[in-house]
Amino acid sequence: MNPWLLLGLAIMAEVIGSASLRASEGFTRLLPSVLVVLGYAAAFSLMAQILRTLPLGLTYAVWSGVGTALTAIIGWTFFRDAFQWTALGGIALIVLGVVVLNLGGAGHE
């Protein structure tokens, strides 16, 4: 399977795990707690497969950058976390960094 598709799935699994961690209320709610474990298990399992073909630095940069951006957006949207324009600017810089990494050939060896 395409490693970039797997990376997208790993990012989604990690974001689900992170959002569920917040919703679990300290692991006091069963369903979100189960989603935390399943989300992180799926994310790391997928990452192990991805790293067979993609370089570690690029893979982790994309995974953590996109995951951070999506998690922040979910926090603002669903958990009413405080929104700051500076944070939005930081997320834009993360996305720009991921684009520059890809355009620079880091993932095209």
PDB file of N, CA and C in Angstrom:
ATOM      1  N   MET A   1       0.850  -1.186   0.000  1.00  0.00           N
ATOM      2  CA  MET A   1       0.000   0.000   0.000  1.00  0.00           C
ATOM      3  C   MET A   1       0.892   1.246   0.000  1.00  0.00           C
ATOM      4  N   ASN A   2       0.411   2.307  -0.580  1.00  0.00           N
ATOM      5  CA  ASN A   2       1.131   3.564  -0.687  1.00  0.00           C
ATOM      6  C   ASN A   2       1.511   4.081   0.708  1.00  0.00           C
ATOM      7  N   PRO A   3       2.802   4.350   0.971  1.00  0.00           N
ATOM      8  CA  PRO A   3       3.203   4.807   2.299  1.00  0.00           C
ATOM      9  C   PRO A   3       2.606   6.164   2.686  1.00  0.00           C
ATOM     10  N   TRP A   4       2.317   7.004   1.692  1.00  0.00           N
ATOM     11  CA  TRP A   4       1.701   8.305   2.003  1.00  0.00           C
ATOM     12  C   TRP A   4       0.255   8.139   2.457  1.00  0.00           C
ATOM     13  N   LEU A   5      -0.445   7.177   1.881  1.00  0.00           N
ATOM     14  CA  LEU A   5      -1.797   6.870   2.343  1.00  0.00           C
ATOM     15  C   LEU A   5      -1.747   6.312   3.763  1.00  0.00           C
ATOM     16  N   LEU A   6      -0.794   5.412   4.008  1.00  0.00           N
ATOM     17  CA  LEU A   6      -0.624   4.878   5.360  1.00  0.00           C
ATOM     18  C   LEU A   6      -0.290   5.985   6.357  1.00  0.00           C
ATOM     19  N   LEU A   7       0.525   6.949   5.922  1.00  0.00           N
ATOM     20  CA  LEU A   7       0.863   8.070   6.802  1.00  0.00           C
ATOM     21  C   LEU A   7      -0.379   8.888   7.128  1.00  0.00           C
ATOM     22  N   GLY A   8      -1.226   9.109   6.145  1.00  0.00           N
ATOM     23  CA  GLY A   8      -2.488   9.815   6.401  1.00  0.00           C
ATOM     24  C   GLY A   8      -3.354   9.066   7.409  1.00  0.00           C
ATOM     25  N   LEU A   9      -3.412   7.746   7.273  1.00  0.00           N
ATOM     26  CA  LEU A   9      -4.184   6.934   8.223  1.00  0.00           C
ATOM     27  C   LEU A   9      -3.556   6.973   9.616  1.00  0.00           C
ATOM     28  N   ALA A  10      -2.226   6.956   9.677  1.00  0.00           N
ATOM     29  CA  ALA A  10      -1.542   7.035  10.971  1.00  0.00           C
ATOM     30  C   ALA A  10      -1.820   8.367  11.653  1.00  0.00           C
ATOM     31  N   ILE A  11      -1.830   9.424  10.877  1.00  0.00           N
ATOM     32  CA  ILE A  11      -2.124  10.755  11.428  1.00  0.00           C
ATOM     33  C   ILE A  11      -3.550  10.788  11.970  1.00  0.00           C
ATOM     34  N   MET A  12      -4.492  10.261  11.189  1.00  0.00           N
ATOM     35  CA  MET A  12      -5.885  10.261  11.645  1.00  0.00           C
ATOM     36  C   MET A  12      -6.042   9.428  12.916  1.00  0.00           C
ATOM     37  N   ALA A  13      -5.369   8.278  12.983  1.00  0.00           N
ATOM     38  CA  ALA A  13      -5.452   7.427  14.177  1.00  0.00           C
ATOM     39  C   ALA A  13      -4.885   8.151  15.396  1.00  0.00           C
ATOM     40  N   GLU A  14      -3.774   8.860  15.210  1.00  0.00           N
ATOM     41  CA  GLU A  14      -3.158   9.587  16.315  1.00  0.00           C
ATOM     42  C   GLU A  14      -4.047  10.746  16.768  1.00  0.00           C
ATOM     43  N   VAL A  15      -4.662  11.434  15.829  1.00  0.00           N
ATOM     44  CA  VAL A  15      -5.550  12.547  16.166  1.00  0.00           C
ATOM     45  C   VAL A  15      -6.779  12.028  16.916  1.00  0.00           C
ATOM     46  N   ILE A  16      -7.328  10.906  16.476  1.00  0.00           N
ATOM     47  CA  ILE A  16      -8.462  10.295  17.181  1.00  0.00           C
ATOM     48  C   ILE A  16      -8.043   9.917  18.597  1.00  0.00           C
ATOM     49  N   GLY A  17      -6.857   9.325  18.732  1.00  0.00           N
ATOM     50  CA  GLY A  17      -6.362   8.969  20.060  1.00  0.00           C
ATOM     51  C   GLY A  17      -6.190  10.188  20.950  1.00  0.00           C
ATOM     52  N   SER A  18      -5.632  11.262  20.412  1.00  0.00           N
ATOM     53  CA  SER A  18      -5.408  12.476  21.198  1.00  0.00           C
ATOM     54  C   SER A  18      -6.718  13.147  21.593  1.00  0.00           C
ATOM     55  N   ALA A  19      -7.652  13.249  20.656  1.00  0.00           N
ATOM     56  CA  ALA A  19      -8.945  13.848  20.972  1.00  0.00           C
ATOM     57  C   ALA A  19      -9.692  12.988  21.994  1.00  0.00           C
ATOM     58  N   SER A  20      -9.572  11.697  21.858  1.00  0.00           N
ATOM     59  CA  SER A  20     -10.240  10.793  22.803  1.00  0.00           C
ATOM     60  C   SER A  20      -9.603  10.882  24.187  1.00  0.00           C
ATOM     61  N   LEU A  21      -8.304  11.163  24.225  1.00  0.00           N
ATOM     62  CA  LEU A  21      -7.634  11.333  25.512  1.00  0.00           C
ATOM     63  C   LEU A  21      -8.257  12.488  26.279  1.00  0.00           C
ATOM     64  N   ARG A  22      -8.533  13.552  25.560  1.00  0.00           N
ATOM     65  CA  ARG A  22      -9.200  14.699  26.195  1.00  0.00           C
ATOM     66  C   ARG A  22     -10.619  14.325  26.626  1.00  0.00           C
ATOM     67  N   ALA A  23     -11.331  13.601  25.765  1.00  0.00           N
ATOM     68  CA  ALA A  23     -12.719  13.222  26.059  1.00  0.00           C
ATOM     69  C   ALA A  23     -12.819  12.151  27.152  1.00  0.00           C
ATOM     70  N   SER A  24     -11.729  11.437  27.412  1.00  0.00           N
ATOM     71  CA  SER A  24     -11.782  10.350  28.400  1.00  0.00           C
ATOM     72  C   SER A  24     -11.883  10.864  29.833  1.00  0.00           C
ATOM     73  N   GLU A  25     -11.607  12.156  30.015  1.00  0.00           N
ATOM     74  CA  GLU A  25     -11.670  12.771  31.344  1.00  0.00           C
ATOM     75  C   GLU A  25     -10.849  11.976  32.350  1.00  0.00           C
ATOM     76  N   GLY A  26      -9.564  11.809  32.019  1.00  0.00           N
ATOM     77  CA  GLY A  26      -8.659  11.102  32.921  1.00  0.00           C
ATOM     78  C   GLY A  26      -8.919   9.609  32.973  1.00  0.00           C
ATOM     79  N   PHE A  27      -9.343   9.039  31.873  1.00  0.00           N
ATOM     80  CA  PHE A  27      -9.666   7.616  31.747  1.00  0.00           C
ATOM     81  C   PHE A  27     -10.818   7.201  32.667  1.00  0.00           C
ATOM     82  N   THR A  28     -11.749   8.123  32.886  1.00  0.00           N
ATOM     83  CA  THR A  28     -12.930   7.795  33.688  1.00  0.00           C
ATOM     84  C   THR A  28     -14.133   7.449  32.813  1.00  0.00           C
ATOM     85  N   ARG A  29     -14.032   7.659  31.511  1.00  0.00           N
ATOM     86  CA  ARG A  29     -15.108   7.317  30.581  1.00  0.00           C
ATOM     87  C   ARG A  29     -14.618   6.189  29.679  1.00  0.00           C
ATOM     88  N   LEU A  30     -15.391   5.113  29.601  1.00  0.00           N
ATOM     89  CA  LEU A  30     -14.941   3.890  28.949  1.00  0.00           C
ATOM     90  C   LEU A  30     -14.697   4.044  27.445  1.00  0.00           C
ATOM     91  N   LEU A  31     -15.690   4.486  26.685  1.00  0.00           N
ATOM     92  CA  LEU A  31     -15.540   4.529  25.226  1.00  0.00           C
ATOM     93  C   LEU A  31     -14.381   5.419  24.781  1.00  0.00           C
ATOM     94  N   PRO A  32     -14.268   6.646  25.280  1.00  0.00           N
ATOM     95  CA  PRO A  32     -13.105   7.445  24.867  1.00  0.00           C
ATOM     96  C   PRO A  32     -11.783   6.813  25.302  1.00  0.00           C
ATOM     97  N   SER A  33     -11.765   6.146  26.437  1.00  0.00           N
ATOM     98  CA  SER A  33     -10.537   5.492  26.903  1.00  0.00           C
ATOM     99  C   SER A  33     -10.127   4.368  25.965  1.00  0.00           C
ATOM    100  N   VAL A  34     -11.099   3.605  25.490  1.00  0.00           N
ATOM    101  CA  VAL A  34     -10.818   2.535  24.532  1.00  0.00           C
ATOM    102  C   VAL A  34     -10.306   3.134  23.226  1.00  0.00           C
ATOM    103  N   LEU A  35     -10.905   4.244  22.784  1.00  0.00           N
ATOM    104  CA  LEU A  35     -10.459   4.903  21.558  1.00  0.00           C
ATOM    105  C   LEU A  35      -9.032   5.435  21.672  1.00  0.00           C
ATOM    106  N   VAL A  36      -8.629   5.858  22.869  1.00  0.00           N
ATOM    107  CA  VAL A  36      -7.245   6.301  23.080  1.00  0.00           C
ATOM    108  C   VAL A  36      -6.290   5.153  22.776  1.00  0.00           C
ATOM    109  N   VAL A  37      -6.541   4.015  23.399  1.00  0.00           N
ATOM    110  CA  VAL A  37      -5.654   2.865  23.232  1.00  0.00           C
ATOM    111  C   VAL A  37      -5.655   2.387  21.778  1.00  0.00           C
ATOM    112  N   LEU A  38      -6.826   2.262  21.183  1.00  0.00           N
ATOM    113  CA  LEU A  38      -6.911   1.797  19.797  1.00  0.00           C
ATOM    114  C   LEU A  38      -6.277   2.796  18.824  1.00  0.00           C
ATOM    115  N   GLY A  39      -6.524   4.083  19.049  1.00  0.00           N
ATOM    116  CA  GLY A  39      -5.970   5.111  18.165  1.00  0.00           C
ATOM    117  C   GLY A  39      -4.456   5.122  18.178  1.00  0.00           C
ATOM    118  N   TYR A  40      -3.871   5.113  19.376  1.00  0.00           N
ATOM    119  CA  TYR A  40      -2.410   5.133  19.461  1.00  0.00           C
ATOM    120  C   TYR A  40      -1.804   3.821  18.978  1.00  0.00           C
ATOM    121  N   ALA A  41      -2.438   2.695  19.273  1.00  0.00           N
ATOM    122  CA  ALA A  41      -1.930   1.400  18.793  1.00  0.00           C
ATOM    123  C   ALA A  41      -1.930   1.366  17.268  1.00  0.00           C
ATOM    124  N   ALA A  42      -2.993   1.838  16.660  1.00  0.00           N
ATOM    125  CA  ALA A  42      -3.067   1.865  15.197  1.00  0.00           C
ATOM    126  C   ALA A  42      -2.031   2.821  14.625  1.00  0.00           C
ATOM    127  N   ALA A  43      -1.881   3.996  15.239  1.00  0.00           N
ATOM    128  CA  ALA A  43      -0.928   4.986  14.740  1.00  0.00           C
ATOM    129  C   ALA A  43       0.495   4.439  14.756  1.00  0.00           C
ATOM    130  N   PHE A  44       0.902   3.831  15.851  1.00  0.00           N
ATOM    131  CA  PHE A  44       2.275   3.332  15.943  1.00  0.00           C
ATOM    132  C   PHE A  44       2.487   2.098  15.074  1.00  0.00           C
ATOM    133  N   SER A  45       1.472   1.286  14.939  1.00  0.00           N
ATOM    134  CA  SER A  45       1.576   0.122  14.059  1.00  0.00           C
ATOM    135  C   SER A  45       1.751   0.577  12.607  1.00  0.00           C
ATOM    136  N   LEU A  46       0.966   1.551  12.198  1.00  0.00           N
ATOM    137  CA  LEU A  46       1.094   2.092  10.847  1.00  0.00           C
ATOM    138  C   LEU A  46       2.449   2.771  10.642  1.00  0.00           C
ATOM    139  N   MET A  47       2.907   3.506  11.655  1.00  0.00           N
ATOM    140  CA  MET A  47       4.201   4.169  11.541  1.00  0.00           C
ATOM    141  C   MET A  47       5.316   3.153  11.337  1.00  0.00           C
ATOM    142  N   ALA A  48       5.245   2.022  12.003  1.00  0.00           N
ATOM    143  CA  ALA A  48       6.265   0.983  11.830  1.00  0.00           C
ATOM    144  C   ALA A  48       6.306   0.495  10.388  1.00  0.00           C
ATOM    145  N   GLN A  49       5.146   0.397   9.761  1.00  0.00           N
ATOM    146  CA  GLN A  49       5.092  -0.023   8.359  1.00  0.00           C
ATOM    147  C   GLN A  49       5.604   1.073   7.426  1.00  0.00           C
ATOM    148  N   ILE A  50       5.243   2.303   7.714  1.00  0.00           N
ATOM    149  CA  ILE A  50       5.640   3.438   6.881  1.00  0.00           C
ATOM    150  C   ILE A  50       7.156   3.586   6.859  1.00  0.00           C
ATOM    151  N   LEU A  51       7.785   3.380   8.005  1.00  0.00           N
ATOM    152  CA  LEU A  51       9.223   3.595   8.121  1.00  0.00           C
ATOM    153  C   LEU A  51      10.043   2.550   7.364  1.00  0.00           C
ATOM    154  N   ARG A  52       9.379   1.560   6.808  1.00  0.00           N
ATOM    155  CA  ARG A  52      10.079   0.613   5.931  1.00  0.00           C
ATOM    156  C   ARG A  52      10.470   1.270   4.606  1.00  0.00           C
ATOM    157  N   THR A  53       9.707   2.315   4.213  1.00  0.00           N
ATOM    158  CA  THR A  53       9.956   2.931   2.908  1.00  0.00           C
ATOM    159  C   THR A  53      10.256   4.424   2.961  1.00  0.00           C
ATOM    160  N   LEU A  54       9.705   5.139   3.924  1.00  0.00           N
ATOM    161  CA  LEU A  54       9.937   6.586   4.000  1.00  0.00           C
ATOM    162  C   LEU A  54      10.985   6.898   5.063  1.00  0.00           C
ATOM    163  N   PRO A  55      11.767   7.962   4.869  1.00  0.00           N
ATOM    164  CA  PRO A  55      12.785   8.324   5.856  1.00  0.00           C
ATOM    165  C   PRO A  55      12.161   8.791   7.176  1.00  0.00           C
ATOM    166  N   LEU A  56      12.844   8.492   8.270  1.00  0.00           N
ATOM    167  CA  LEU A  56      12.345   8.808   9.606  1.00  0.00           C
ATOM    168  C   LEU A  56      12.077  10.295   9.793  1.00  0.00           C
ATOM    169  N   GLY A  57      13.046  11.144   9.428  1.00  0.00           N
ATOM    170  CA  GLY A  57      12.898  12.578   9.664  1.00  0.00           C
ATOM    171  C   GLY A  57      11.686  13.165   8.969  1.00  0.00           C
ATOM    172  N   LEU A  58      11.525  12.859   7.713  1.00  0.00           N
ATOM    173  CA  LEU A  58      10.382  13.366   6.954  1.00  0.00           C
ATOM    174  C   LEU A  58       9.075  12.806   7.512  1.00  0.00           C
ATOM    175  N   THR A  59       9.054  11.508   7.765  1.00  0.00           N
ATOM    176  CA  THR A  59       7.835  10.867   8.258  1.00  0.00           C
ATOM    177  C   THR A  59       7.397  11.480   9.576  1.00  0.00           C
ATOM    178  N   TYR A  60       8.325  11.638  10.490  1.00  0.00           N
ATOM    179  CA  TYR A  60       7.969  12.177  11.802  1.00  0.00           C
ATOM    180  C   TYR A  60       7.576  13.646  11.708  1.00  0.00           C
ATOM    181  N   ALA A  61       8.253  14.405  10.846  1.00  0.00           N
ATOM    182  CA  ALA A  61       7.906  15.816  10.683  1.00  0.00           C
ATOM    183  C   ALA A  61       6.479  15.973  10.172  1.00  0.00           C
ATOM    184  N   VAL A  62       6.123  15.193   9.163  1.00  0.00           N
ATOM    185  CA  VAL A  62       4.765  15.269   8.619  1.00  0.00           C
ATOM    186  C   VAL A  62       3.756  14.785   9.651  1.00  0.00           C
ATOM    187  N   TRP A  63       4.048  13.650  10.278  1.00  0.00           N
ATOM    188  CA  TRP A  63       3.120  13.061  11.257  1.00  0.00           C
ATOM    189  C   TRP A  63       2.868  14.016  12.426  1.00  0.00           C
ATOM    190  N   SER A  64       3.940  14.525  13.003  1.00  0.00           N
ATOM    191  CA  SER A  64       3.762  15.388  14.166  1.00  0.00           C
ATOM    192  C   SER A  64       3.198  16.758  13.774  1.00  0.00           C
ATOM    193  N   GLY A  65       3.629  17.301  12.641  1.00  0.00           N
ATOM    194  CA  GLY A  65       3.146  18.617  12.228  1.00  0.00           C
ATOM    195  C   GLY A  65       1.675  18.627  11.871  1.00  0.00           C
ATOM    196  N   VAL A  66       1.282  17.713  11.010  1.00  0.00           N
ATOM    197  CA  VAL A  66      -0.126  17.654  10.610  1.00  0.00           C
ATOM    198  C   VAL A  66      -0.993  17.222  11.792  1.00  0.00           C
ATOM    199  N   GLY A  67      -0.484  16.276  12.588  1.00  0.00           N
ATOM    200  CA  GLY A  67      -1.233  15.836  13.768  1.00  0.00           C
ATOM    201  C   GLY A  67      -1.445  16.964  14.765  1.00  0.00           C
ATOM    202  N   THR A  68      -0.412  17.775  14.973  1.00  0.00           N
ATOM    203  CA  THR A  68      -0.531  18.923  15.879  1.00  0.00           C
ATOM    204  C   THR A  68      -1.568  19.914  15.367  1.00  0.00           C
ATOM    205  N   ALA A  69      -1.516  20.210  14.085  1.00  0.00           N
ATOM    206  CA  ALA A  69      -2.466  21.164  13.505  1.00  0.00           C
ATOM    207  C   ALA A  69      -3.893  20.656  13.638  1.00  0.00           C
ATOM    208  N   LEU A  70      -4.129  19.405  13.274  1.00  0.00           N
ATOM    209  CA  LEU A  70      -5.485  18.854  13.354  1.00  0.00           C
ATOM    210  C   LEU A  70      -5.980  18.772  14.798  1.00  0.00           C
ATOM    211  N   THR A  71      -5.088  18.395  15.706  1.00  0.00           N
ATOM    212  CA  THR A  71      -5.483  18.295  17.117  1.00  0.00           C
ATOM    213  C   THR A  71      -5.851  19.670  17.670  1.00  0.00           C
ATOM    214  N   ALA A  72      -5.104  20.693  17.308  1.00  0.00           N
ATOM    215  CA  ALA A  72      -5.431  22.050  17.758  1.00  0.00           C
ATOM    216  C   ALA A  72      -6.786  22.488  17.216  1.00  0.00           C
ATOM    217  N   ILE A  73      -7.057  22.199  15.961  1.00  0.00           N
ATOM    218  CA  ILE A  73      -8.344  22.569  15.359  1.00  0.00           C
ATOM    219  C   ILE A  73      -9.486  21.833  16.049  1.00  0.00           C
ATOM    220  N   ILE A  74      -9.298  20.558  16.356  1.00  0.00           N
ATOM    221  CA  ILE A  74     -10.328  19.801  17.071  1.00  0.00           C
ATOM    222  C   ILE A  74     -10.531  20.376  18.473  1.00  0.00           C
ATOM    223  N   GLY A  75      -9.438  20.749  19.128  1.00  0.00           N
ATOM    224  CA  GLY A  75      -9.564  21.363  20.455  1.00  0.00           C
ATOM    225  C   GLY A  75     -10.375  22.639  20.426  1.00  0.00           C
ATOM    226  N   TRP A  76     -10.113  23.484  19.443  1.00  0.00           N
ATOM    227  CA  TRP A  76     -10.869  24.738  19.324  1.00  0.00           C
ATOM    228  C   TRP A  76     -12.329  24.474  18.995  1.00  0.00           C
ATOM    229  N   THR A  77     -12.562  23.502  18.112  1.00  0.00           N
ATOM    230  CA  THR A  77     -13.907  23.268  17.589  1.00  0.00           C
ATOM    231  C   THR A  77     -14.793  22.498  18.559  1.00  0.00           C
ATOM    232  N   PHE A  78     -14.287  21.403  19.094  1.00  0.00           N
ATOM    233  CA  PHE A  78     -15.128  20.506  19.878  1.00  0.00           C
ATOM    234  C   PHE A  78     -14.977  20.673  21.382  1.00  0.00           C
ATOM    235  N   PHE A  79     -13.821  21.136  21.854  1.00  0.00           N
ATOM    236  CA  PHE A  79     -13.595  21.239  23.299  1.00  0.00           C
ATOM    237  C   PHE A  79     -13.546  22.680  23.772  1.00  0.00           C
ATOM    238  N   ARG A  80     -13.802  23.605  22.864  1.00  0.00           N
ATOM    239  CA  ARG A  80     -13.837  25.034  23.186  1.00  0.00           C
ATOM    240  C   ARG A  80     -12.546  25.529  23.828  1.00  0.00           C
ATOM    241  N   ASP A  81     -11.412  24.956  23.384  1.00  0.00           N
ATOM    242  CA  ASP A  81     -10.123  25.459  23.851  1.00  0.00           C
ATOM    243  C   ASP A  81      -9.969  26.898  23.392  1.00  0.00           C
ATOM    244  N   ALA A  82      -9.172  27.666  24.125  1.00  0.00           N
ATOM    245  CA  ALA A  82      -8.969  29.075  23.790  1.00  0.00           C
ATOM    246  C   ALA A  82      -8.331  29.195  22.401  1.00  0.00           C
ATOM    247  N   PHE A  83      -8.912  30.046  21.582  1.00  0.00           N
ATOM    248  CA  PHE A  83      -8.386  30.293  20.231  1.00  0.00           C
ATOM    249  C   PHE A  83      -7.509  31.527  20.262  1.00  0.00           C
ATOM    250  N   GLN A  84      -6.335  31.423  19.671  1.00  0.00           N
ATOM    251  CA  GLN A  84      -5.448  32.569  19.560  1.00  0.00           C
ATOM    252  C   GLN A  84      -4.962  32.667  18.118  1.00  0.00           C
ATOM    253  N   TRP A  85      -4.964  33.868  17.590  1.00  0.00           N
ATOM    254  CA  TRP A  85      -4.527  34.073  16.217  1.00  0.00           C
ATOM    255  C   TRP A  85      -3.064  33.693  16.048  1.00  0.00           C
ATOM    256  N   THR A  86      -2.266  33.894  17.086  1.00  0.00           N
ATOM    257  CA  THR A  86      -0.858  33.518  16.979  1.00  0.00           C
ATOM    258  C   THR A  86      -0.719  32.000  16.811  1.00  0.00           C
ATOM    259  N   ALA A  87      -1.587  31.243  17.468  1.00  0.00           N
ATOM    260  CA  ALA A  87      -1.558  29.781  17.319  1.00  0.00           C
ATOM    261  C   ALA A  87      -1.913  29.395  15.883  1.00  0.00           C
ATOM    262  N   LEU A  88      -2.874  30.074  15.306  1.00  0.00           N
ATOM    263  CA  LEU A  88      -3.244  29.803  13.916  1.00  0.00           C
ATOM    264  C   LEU A  88      -2.066  30.107  12.985  1.00  0.00           C
ATOM    265  N   GLY A  89      -1.347  31.183  13.264  1.00  0.00           N
ATOM    266  CA  GLY A  89      -0.155  31.490  12.484  1.00  0.00           C
ATOM    267  C   GLY A  89       0.902  30.406  12.623  1.00  0.00           C
ATOM    268  N   GLY A  90       1.067  29.879  13.823  1.00  0.00           N
ATOM    269  CA  GLY A  90       2.012  28.790  14.042  1.00  0.00           C
ATOM    270  C   GLY A  90       1.625  27.542  13.278  1.00  0.00           C
ATOM    271  N   ILE A  91       0.341  27.235  13.256  1.00  0.00           N
ATOM    272  CA  ILE A  91      -0.136  26.074  12.501  1.00  0.00           C
ATOM    273  C   ILE A  91       0.117  26.272  11.007  1.00  0.00           C
ATOM    274  N   ALA A  92      -0.100  27.482  10.530  1.00  0.00           N
ATOM    275  CA  ALA A  92       0.183  27.772   9.117  1.00  0.00           C
ATOM    276  C   ALA A  92       1.667  27.559   8.809  1.00  0.00           C
ATOM    277  N   LEU A  93       2.530  27.940   9.737  1.00  0.00           N
ATOM    278  CA  LEU A  93       3.965  27.733   9.540  1.00  0.00           C
ATOM    279  C   LEU A  93       4.323  26.241   9.542  1.00  0.00           C
ATOM    280  N   ILE A  94       3.643  25.462  10.378  1.00  0.00           N
ATOM    281  CA  ILE A  94       3.866  24.005  10.394  1.00  0.00           C
ATOM    282  C   ILE A  94       3.496  23.416   9.038  1.00  0.00           C
ATOM    283  N   VAL A  95       2.331  23.776   8.541  1.00  0.00           N
ATOM    284  CA  VAL A  95       1.876  23.262   7.247  1.00  0.00           C
ATOM    285  C   VAL A  95       2.850  23.702   6.146  1.00  0.00           C
ATOM    286  N   LEU A  96       3.279  24.943   6.182  1.00  0.00           N
ATOM    287  CA  LEU A  96       4.248  25.433   5.202  1.00  0.00           C
ATOM    288  C   LEU A  96       5.555  24.643   5.289  1.00  0.00           C
ATOM    289  N   GLY A  97       5.989  24.337   6.488  1.00  0.00           N
ATOM    290  CA  GLY A  97       7.202  23.548   6.677  1.00  0.00           C
ATOM    291  C   GLY A  97       7.085  22.161   6.073  1.00  0.00           C
ATOM    292  N   VAL A  98       5.932  21.533   6.246  1.00  0.00           N
ATOM    293  CA  VAL A  98       5.706  20.206   5.663  1.00  0.00           C
ATOM    294  C   VAL A  98       5.738  20.290   4.141  1.00  0.00           C
ATOM    295  N   VAL A  99       5.133  21.322   3.585  1.00  0.00           N
ATOM    296  CA  VAL A  99       5.145  21.513   2.130  1.00  0.00           C
ATOM    297  C   VAL A  99       6.572  21.706   1.640  1.00  0.00           C
ATOM    298  N   VAL A 100       7.352  22.536   2.328  1.00  0.00           N
ATOM    299  CA  VAL A 100       8.738  22.796   1.927  1.00  0.00           C
ATOM    300  C   VAL A 100       9.561  21.511   2.001  1.00  0.00           C
ATOM    301  N   LEU A 101       9.360  20.714   3.049  1.00  0.00           N
ATOM    302  CA  LEU A 101      10.068  19.434   3.148  1.00  0.00           C
ATOM    303  C   LEU A 101       9.782  18.555   1.931  1.00  0.00           C
ATOM    304  N   ASN A 102       8.540  18.498   1.543  1.00  0.00           N
ATOM    305  CA  ASN A 102       8.165  17.650   0.405  1.00  0.00           C
ATOM    306  C   ASN A 102       8.675  18.231  -0.915  1.00  0.00           C
ATOM    307  N   LEU A 103       8.594  19.523  -1.090  1.00  0.00           N
ATOM    308  CA  LEU A 103       9.084  20.134  -2.323  1.00  0.00           C
ATOM    309  C   LEU A 103      10.603  20.035  -2.432  1.00  0.00           C
ATOM    310  N   GLY A 104      11.259  20.024  -1.276  1.00  0.00           N
ATOM    311  CA  GLY A 104      12.710  19.942  -1.260  1.00  0.00           C
ATOM    312  C   GLY A 104      13.252  18.568  -1.568  1.00  0.00           C
ATOM    313  N   GLY A 105      12.364  17.612  -1.742  1.00  0.00           N
ATOM    314  CA  GLY A 105      12.800  16.287  -2.133  1.00  0.00           C
ATOM    315  C   GLY A 105      13.111  15.364  -0.986  1.00  0.00           C
ATOM    316  N   ALA A 106      12.808  15.752   0.271  1.00  0.00           N
ATOM    317  CA  ALA A 106      13.149  14.918   1.415  1.00  0.00           C
ATOM    318  C   ALA A 106      12.475  13.552   1.345  1.00  0.00           C
ATOM    319  N   GLY A 107      11.305  13.477   0.751  1.00  0.00           N
ATOM    320  CA  GLY A 107      10.604  12.197   0.668  1.00  0.00           C
ATOM    321  C   GLY A 107      10.760  11.490  -0.651  1.00  0.00           C
ATOM    322  N   HIS A 108      11.624  12.033  -1.521  1.00  0.00           N
ATOM    323  CA  HIS A 108      11.765  11.479  -2.872  1.00  0.00           C
ATOM    324  C   HIS A 108      13.213  11.045  -3.111  1.00  0.00           C
ATOM    325  N   GLU A 109      13.614  10.005  -2.445  1.00  0.00           N
ATOM    326  CA  GLU A 109      14.999   9.544  -2.573  1.00  0.00           C
ATOM    327  C   GLU A 109      15.171   8.619  -3.733  1.00  0.00           C
TER     328      GLU A 109
END
